[in-house]
Amino acid sequence: MPISLSWHCQLWRLFSAVLLVVSMEAGARELAAEADDMVEVEVATLGLAGPVGPPVVLLREPGAREVIPIFIGANEAGAILRALSGERAARPMTHDLLSDVLGEIEATLERVYVDAIVNDAFFGMLELSLPGRDEPLRIDSRPSDAIALAIHAGASILVAPKVLEAARNIEYEGLDDQVVVALGITVAPVTDDLREALDLPDRPGVLVNDVHGPAAEAGLRPGALLLEVNGETPETPLQYLELVRDTAVDEDVRLRYWQDGAEQELQVTTDVPPRQPMPKLQEDVPGIRS
């Protein structure tokens, strides 16, 4: 007798719940720093540790003059880049799968921590809330996995002050052709084809691919051409990030952009905006019904 897909789903949910119970009983390590002392950061983009070094994820700390690089693996770099670009594979990859599992068992990823660095190895932790459990569940994790999951789930990312200081000594090179996120605004290079398709002027700037938080509330929308940041023109996504982080402490960022056939302006805080979970891919697979 064939096994129904719904039975498979029930079995998978039971298996996932068992995994969480095992994690709770395992007594994972404690946070290496106080959660209240950690700094919330925004995932900005990817880079390389030196010309031929391993990939790093670059984190923007509000009010800081530099971004914070954290070593990650190649697979995690791909997952983070896809998430920053708003892409989701046709079939779930590892981080998509775990995010979906958490949703199915009604567990919410609230925060991820990067709480320690030992011999250039970063340590991280997931913080989950579960139905019927008053205290959060914390599970040891590699920061690269934790960050990839945080982007999928829309969770906050917090870094310990000692990690921030140590990571500032890591040399890195940014990649100008990558998407970059800052202030909740995702930007990418603008091509001639995109200019024509979106009816954008032939002026230097970067294309807004996605936007959430205060900038979206102020009216900025995907498809706009970002012309200036604090009076200067970002000609690459990485230059956009540099101009944002050069904003004076306690001052808003001034943005000028082209949208709806005209130049417009807005001011937005440098605080980390709340993230939104990535939408799930809805796919109707022929011949399979739940």
Protein backbone atom coordinates (compact mmCIF):
# COMPACT_ATOMS: atom_id res chain seq x y z
CA MET A 1 0.00 0.00 0.00
CA PRO A 2 1.48 3.41 -0.94
CA ILE A 3 2.28 5.76 1.93
CA SER A 4 0.43 9.08 1.75
CA LEU A 5 2.29 12.37 1.65
CA SER A 6 0.37 13.55 4.73
CA TRP A 7 1.73 10.58 6.68
CA HIS A 8 5.22 11.56 5.58
CA CYS A 9 4.57 15.09 6.86
CA GLN A 10 3.42 13.78 10.24
CA LEU A 11 6.47 11.56 10.52
CA TRP A 12 8.75 14.45 9.60
CA ARG A 13 7.15 16.68 12.23
CA LEU A 14 7.60 14.00 14.87
CA PHE A 15 11.22 13.51 13.85
CA SER A 16 11.85 17.26 14.02
CA ALA A 17 10.30 17.49 17.48
CA VAL A 18 12.53 14.65 18.68
CA LEU A 19 15.57 16.54 17.41
CA LEU A 20 14.59 19.60 19.44
CA VAL A 21 14.02 17.54 22.56
CA VAL A 22 17.45 15.99 22.16
CA SER A 23 18.92 19.47 21.82
CA MET A 24 17.20 20.57 25.02
CA GLU A 25 18.49 17.57 26.93
CA ALA A 26 22.00 17.89 25.53
CA GLY A 27 22.75 20.94 27.66
CA ALA A 28 24.32 23.14 24.97
CA ARG A 29 27.00 25.61 26.07
CA GLU A 30 26.07 28.89 27.68
CA LEU A 31 26.42 32.22 25.91
CA ALA A 32 29.96 33.57 26.28
CA ALA A 33 28.64 37.13 26.77
CA GLU A 34 25.55 38.73 28.25
CA ALA A 35 22.77 38.97 25.68
CA ASP A 36 21.86 42.50 26.81
CA ASP A 37 25.43 43.68 26.11
CA MET A 38 25.48 42.48 22.52
CA VAL A 39 25.11 44.77 19.51
CA GLU A 40 22.49 44.20 16.82
CA VAL A 41 23.98 44.22 13.32
CA GLU A 42 22.75 44.06 9.74
CA VAL A 43 24.08 41.59 7.16
CA ALA A 44 25.50 43.82 4.44
CA THR A 45 27.21 41.63 1.84
CA LEU A 46 29.98 39.10 1.27
CA GLY A 47 33.69 39.57 0.73
CA LEU A 48 36.99 37.72 0.81
CA ALA A 49 39.61 37.60 3.56
CA GLY A 50 42.47 38.81 1.38
CA PRO A 51 42.87 38.31 -2.38
CA VAL A 52 42.54 34.51 -2.25
CA GLY A 53 41.25 34.00 1.29
CA PRO A 54 38.08 32.33 2.51
CA PRO A 55 34.73 34.12 2.17
CA VAL A 56 33.55 36.43 4.92
CA VAL A 57 30.13 37.85 5.66
CA LEU A 58 30.24 41.59 6.28
CA LEU A 59 28.07 42.90 9.11
CA ARG A 60 27.12 46.55 9.48
CA GLU A 61 27.22 47.92 13.00
CA PRO A 62 25.15 51.13 13.33
CA GLY A 63 27.31 54.13 14.17
CA ALA A 64 30.57 52.33 13.33
CA ARG A 65 32.96 53.49 10.62
CA GLU A 66 33.72 49.98 9.42
CA VAL A 67 31.92 46.73 8.76
CA ILE A 68 32.68 43.54 10.65
CA PRO A 69 33.96 40.50 8.69
CA ILE A 70 33.24 36.98 9.97
CA PHE A 71 34.72 33.88 8.36
CA ILE A 72 32.21 31.54 6.69
CA GLY A 73 32.32 28.50 4.44
CA ALA A 74 31.67 28.47 0.70
CA ASN A 75 28.31 26.70 1.02
CA GLU A 76 27.12 29.13 3.68
CA ALA A 77 28.34 32.04 1.56
CA GLY A 78 26.16 30.81 -1.28
CA ALA A 79 23.16 30.45 1.02
CA ILE A 80 23.63 33.96 2.46
CA LEU A 81 24.09 35.52 -0.98
CA ARG A 82 20.95 33.85 -2.30
CA ALA A 83 19.03 35.05 0.74
CA LEU A 84 20.30 38.63 0.37
CA SER A 85 19.27 38.53 -3.29
CA GLY A 86 15.82 37.29 -2.34
CA GLU A 87 16.35 34.04 -4.24
CA ARG A 88 15.07 30.66 -3.16
CA ALA A 89 15.98 27.40 -4.87
CA ALA A 90 13.21 25.45 -6.60
CA ARG A 91 13.77 22.66 -4.08
CA PRO A 92 14.75 23.41 -0.46
CA MET A 93 18.45 23.70 0.26
CA THR A 94 19.76 22.89 3.75
CA HIS A 95 18.98 26.28 5.34
CA ASP A 96 15.62 26.46 3.57
CA LEU A 97 14.82 23.00 4.91
CA LEU A 98 15.69 23.79 8.52
CA SER A 99 13.75 27.04 8.36
CA ASP A 100 10.73 25.14 7.04
CA VAL A 101 11.10 22.49 9.75
CA LEU A 102 11.08 25.14 12.47
CA GLY A 103 7.93 26.60 10.98
CA GLU A 104 6.18 23.24 10.81
CA ILE A 105 6.76 22.54 14.51
CA GLU A 106 5.77 26.14 15.38
CA ALA A 107 9.23 27.06 16.64
CA THR A 108 10.29 30.66 16.00
CA LEU A 109 13.88 31.71 15.49
CA GLU A 110 13.95 34.96 17.47
CA ARG A 111 17.66 35.80 17.56
CA VAL A 112 21.05 34.49 16.59
CA TYR A 113 24.21 35.33 18.48
CA VAL A 114 27.87 35.55 17.51
CA ASP A 115 29.16 35.48 21.04
CA ALA A 116 32.82 34.38 21.01
CA ILE A 117 35.96 34.06 18.90
CA VAL A 118 38.75 31.64 19.84
CA ASN A 119 41.85 31.17 17.65
CA ASP A 120 40.07 32.85 14.72
CA ALA A 121 37.09 30.47 15.10
CA PHE A 122 33.75 32.18 15.65
CA PHE A 123 31.07 30.72 17.92
CA GLY A 124 27.36 31.28 17.51
CA MET A 125 24.02 30.28 18.95
CA LEU A 126 20.37 30.10 17.92
CA GLU A 127 17.61 31.34 20.20
CA LEU A 128 14.24 29.69 19.61
CA SER A 129 10.83 30.17 21.18
CA LEU A 130 8.57 27.12 21.35
CA PRO A 131 4.88 26.73 22.20
CA GLY A 132 4.34 25.86 25.84
CA ARG A 133 7.89 26.76 26.87
CA ASP A 134 8.43 29.97 28.84
CA GLU A 135 12.21 30.14 28.56
CA PRO A 136 13.90 30.45 25.14
CA LEU A 137 15.79 27.45 23.80
CA ARG A 138 19.41 28.17 22.84
CA ILE A 139 21.30 25.82 20.55
CA ASP A 140 25.01 25.98 19.70
CA SER A 141 25.61 26.80 16.04
CA ARG A 142 28.26 27.91 13.61
CA PRO A 143 27.72 31.64 13.00
CA SER A 144 27.57 31.10 9.24
CA ASP A 145 24.64 28.69 9.59
CA ALA A 146 23.00 30.91 12.20
CA ILE A 147 23.25 34.01 9.98
CA ALA A 148 21.88 32.19 6.93
CA LEU A 149 18.93 30.99 9.01
CA ALA A 150 18.40 34.47 10.47
CA ILE A 151 18.02 35.96 7.00
CA HIS A 152 15.49 33.29 6.05
CA ALA A 153 13.50 33.70 9.27
CA GLY A 154 13.79 37.46 9.69
CA ALA A 155 15.55 37.04 13.05
CA SER A 156 17.79 39.57 14.79
CA ILE A 157 21.58 39.09 14.67
CA LEU A 158 23.56 40.15 17.75
CA VAL A 159 27.33 40.19 18.18
CA ALA A 160 29.33 40.35 21.41
CA PRO A 161 31.49 43.49 21.85
CA LYS A 162 34.69 41.42 22.17
CA VAL A 163 33.90 39.70 18.87
CA LEU A 164 33.34 43.05 17.18
CA GLU A 165 36.72 44.31 18.36
CA ALA A 166 38.59 41.15 17.35
CA ALA A 167 36.93 40.92 13.93
CA ARG A 168 37.92 44.49 13.06
CA ASN A 169 41.52 43.23 12.74
CA ILE A 170 40.60 40.84 9.92
CA GLU A 171 41.59 42.19 6.52
CA TYR A 172 39.05 41.69 3.76
CA GLU A 173 38.21 42.74 0.23
CA GLY A 174 34.70 43.68 -0.80
CA LEU A 175 33.13 42.56 -4.07
CA ASP A 176 31.68 45.41 -6.11
CA ASP A 177 29.40 43.23 -8.24
CA GLN A 178 27.54 41.71 -5.27
CA VAL A 179 24.24 42.85 -3.85
CA VAL A 180 24.62 44.98 -0.73
CA VAL A 181 22.13 45.63 2.08
CA ALA A 182 22.18 48.64 4.39
CA LEU A 183 19.32 50.46 6.11
CA GLY A 184 17.01 47.69 4.93
CA ILE A 185 17.72 48.67 1.31
CA THR A 186 19.16 46.04 -1.04
CA VAL A 187 21.06 47.53 -3.97
CA ALA A 188 22.75 46.05 -7.03
CA PRO A 189 24.55 47.34 -10.12
CA VAL A 190 22.24 48.79 -12.74
CA THR A 191 22.65 47.57 -16.34
CA ASP A 192 21.62 49.25 -19.58
CA ASP A 193 18.88 46.65 -20.07
CA LEU A 194 17.46 47.39 -16.63
CA ARG A 195 17.59 51.13 -17.27
CA GLU A 196 15.54 50.63 -20.41
CA ALA A 197 13.10 48.18 -18.84
CA LEU A 198 12.50 50.38 -15.77
CA ASP A 199 12.65 53.69 -17.67
CA LEU A 200 15.54 54.97 -15.55
CA PRO A 201 17.70 57.97 -16.50
CA ASP A 202 21.26 57.57 -17.78
CA ARG A 203 22.80 58.73 -14.52
CA PRO A 204 25.24 57.04 -12.13
CA GLY A 205 23.79 55.24 -9.16
CA VAL A 206 22.71 51.80 -7.95
CA LEU A 207 19.47 49.92 -8.40
CA VAL A 208 17.14 49.27 -5.46
CA ASN A 209 16.26 45.57 -5.58
CA ASP A 210 14.37 45.31 -2.31
CA VAL A 211 13.47 47.54 0.62
CA HIS A 212 11.89 47.12 4.04
CA GLY A 213 11.72 49.03 7.29
CA PRO A 214 11.67 52.85 7.59
CA ALA A 215 12.84 53.43 3.99
CA ALA A 216 9.92 51.42 2.66
CA GLU A 217 7.53 53.21 4.99
CA ALA A 218 8.84 56.53 3.62
CA GLY A 219 7.94 55.49 0.07
CA LEU A 220 11.10 53.99 -1.45
CA ARG A 221 10.25 51.01 -3.67
CA PRO A 222 12.14 48.33 -5.63
CA GLY A 223 13.08 49.53 -9.09
CA ALA A 224 14.19 52.98 -7.95
CA LEU A 225 17.61 54.34 -8.92
CA LEU A 226 19.54 55.48 -5.86
CA LEU A 227 21.40 58.63 -6.91
CA GLU A 228 23.00 60.05 -3.77
CA VAL A 229 23.81 59.15 -0.18
CA ASN A 230 24.50 62.24 1.95
CA GLY A 231 25.16 64.23 -1.21
CA GLU A 232 27.60 61.74 -2.78
CA THR A 233 26.95 59.32 -5.64
CA PRO A 234 27.34 55.57 -5.05
CA GLU A 235 28.57 54.12 -8.33
CA THR A 236 28.79 50.56 -6.96
CA PRO A 237 26.88 48.68 -4.27
CA LEU A 238 29.98 48.61 -2.07
CA GLN A 239 30.32 52.40 -2.34
CA TYR A 240 26.72 52.66 -1.15
CA LEU A 241 27.66 50.70 1.97
CA GLU A 242 30.73 52.86 2.54
CA LEU A 243 28.70 56.07 2.30
CA VAL A 244 26.09 54.74 4.74
CA ARG A 245 28.66 53.75 7.34
CA ASP A 246 30.41 57.13 7.02
CA THR A 247 27.27 58.84 8.26
CA ALA A 248 27.97 60.73 11.48
CA VAL A 249 26.80 59.07 14.67
CA ASP A 250 23.25 60.06 15.69
CA GLU A 251 22.54 61.57 12.25
CA ASP A 252 20.07 60.27 9.68
CA VAL A 253 21.18 59.20 6.22
CA ARG A 254 19.99 61.50 3.43
CA LEU A 255 18.99 59.64 0.26
CA ARG A 256 18.17 61.05 -3.17
CA TYR A 257 16.64 58.67 -5.71
CA TRP A 258 14.77 58.50 -9.01
CA GLN A 259 11.31 56.99 -8.82
CA ASP A 260 8.08 57.51 -10.79
CA GLY A 261 9.86 59.74 -13.29
CA ALA A 262 11.19 62.26 -10.79
CA GLU A 263 13.89 62.84 -8.19
CA GLN A 264 12.79 62.29 -4.61
CA GLU A 265 14.42 62.53 -1.18
CA LEU A 266 14.10 60.90 2.19
CA GLN A 267 15.97 60.62 5.47
CA VAL A 268 16.33 57.32 7.31
CA THR A 269 17.89 56.30 10.61
CA THR A 270 21.08 54.24 10.65
CA ASP A 271 19.55 51.82 13.19
CA VAL A 272 19.18 48.20 12.08
CA PRO A 273 15.65 47.90 10.64
CA PRO A 274 13.47 44.92 11.56
CA ARG A 275 13.82 42.11 9.05
CA GLN A 276 11.00 40.23 7.38
CA PRO A 277 11.01 36.44 6.87
CA MET A 278 11.66 35.30 3.34
CA PRO A 279 8.42 34.21 1.64
CA LYS A 280 8.05 30.49 1.17
CA LEU A 281 8.21 29.13 -2.36
CA GLN A 282 4.79 27.90 -3.41
CA GLU A 283 5.07 25.14 -5.97
CA ASP A 284 2.44 22.78 -7.26
CA VAL A 285 4.22 19.55 -8.18
CA PRO A 286 2.31 17.57 -10.82
CA GLY A 287 1.15 14.15 -9.69
CA ILE A 288 1.72 14.74 -5.95
CA ARG A 289 -1.08 15.83 -3.70
CA SER A 290 -1.13 16.15 0.06
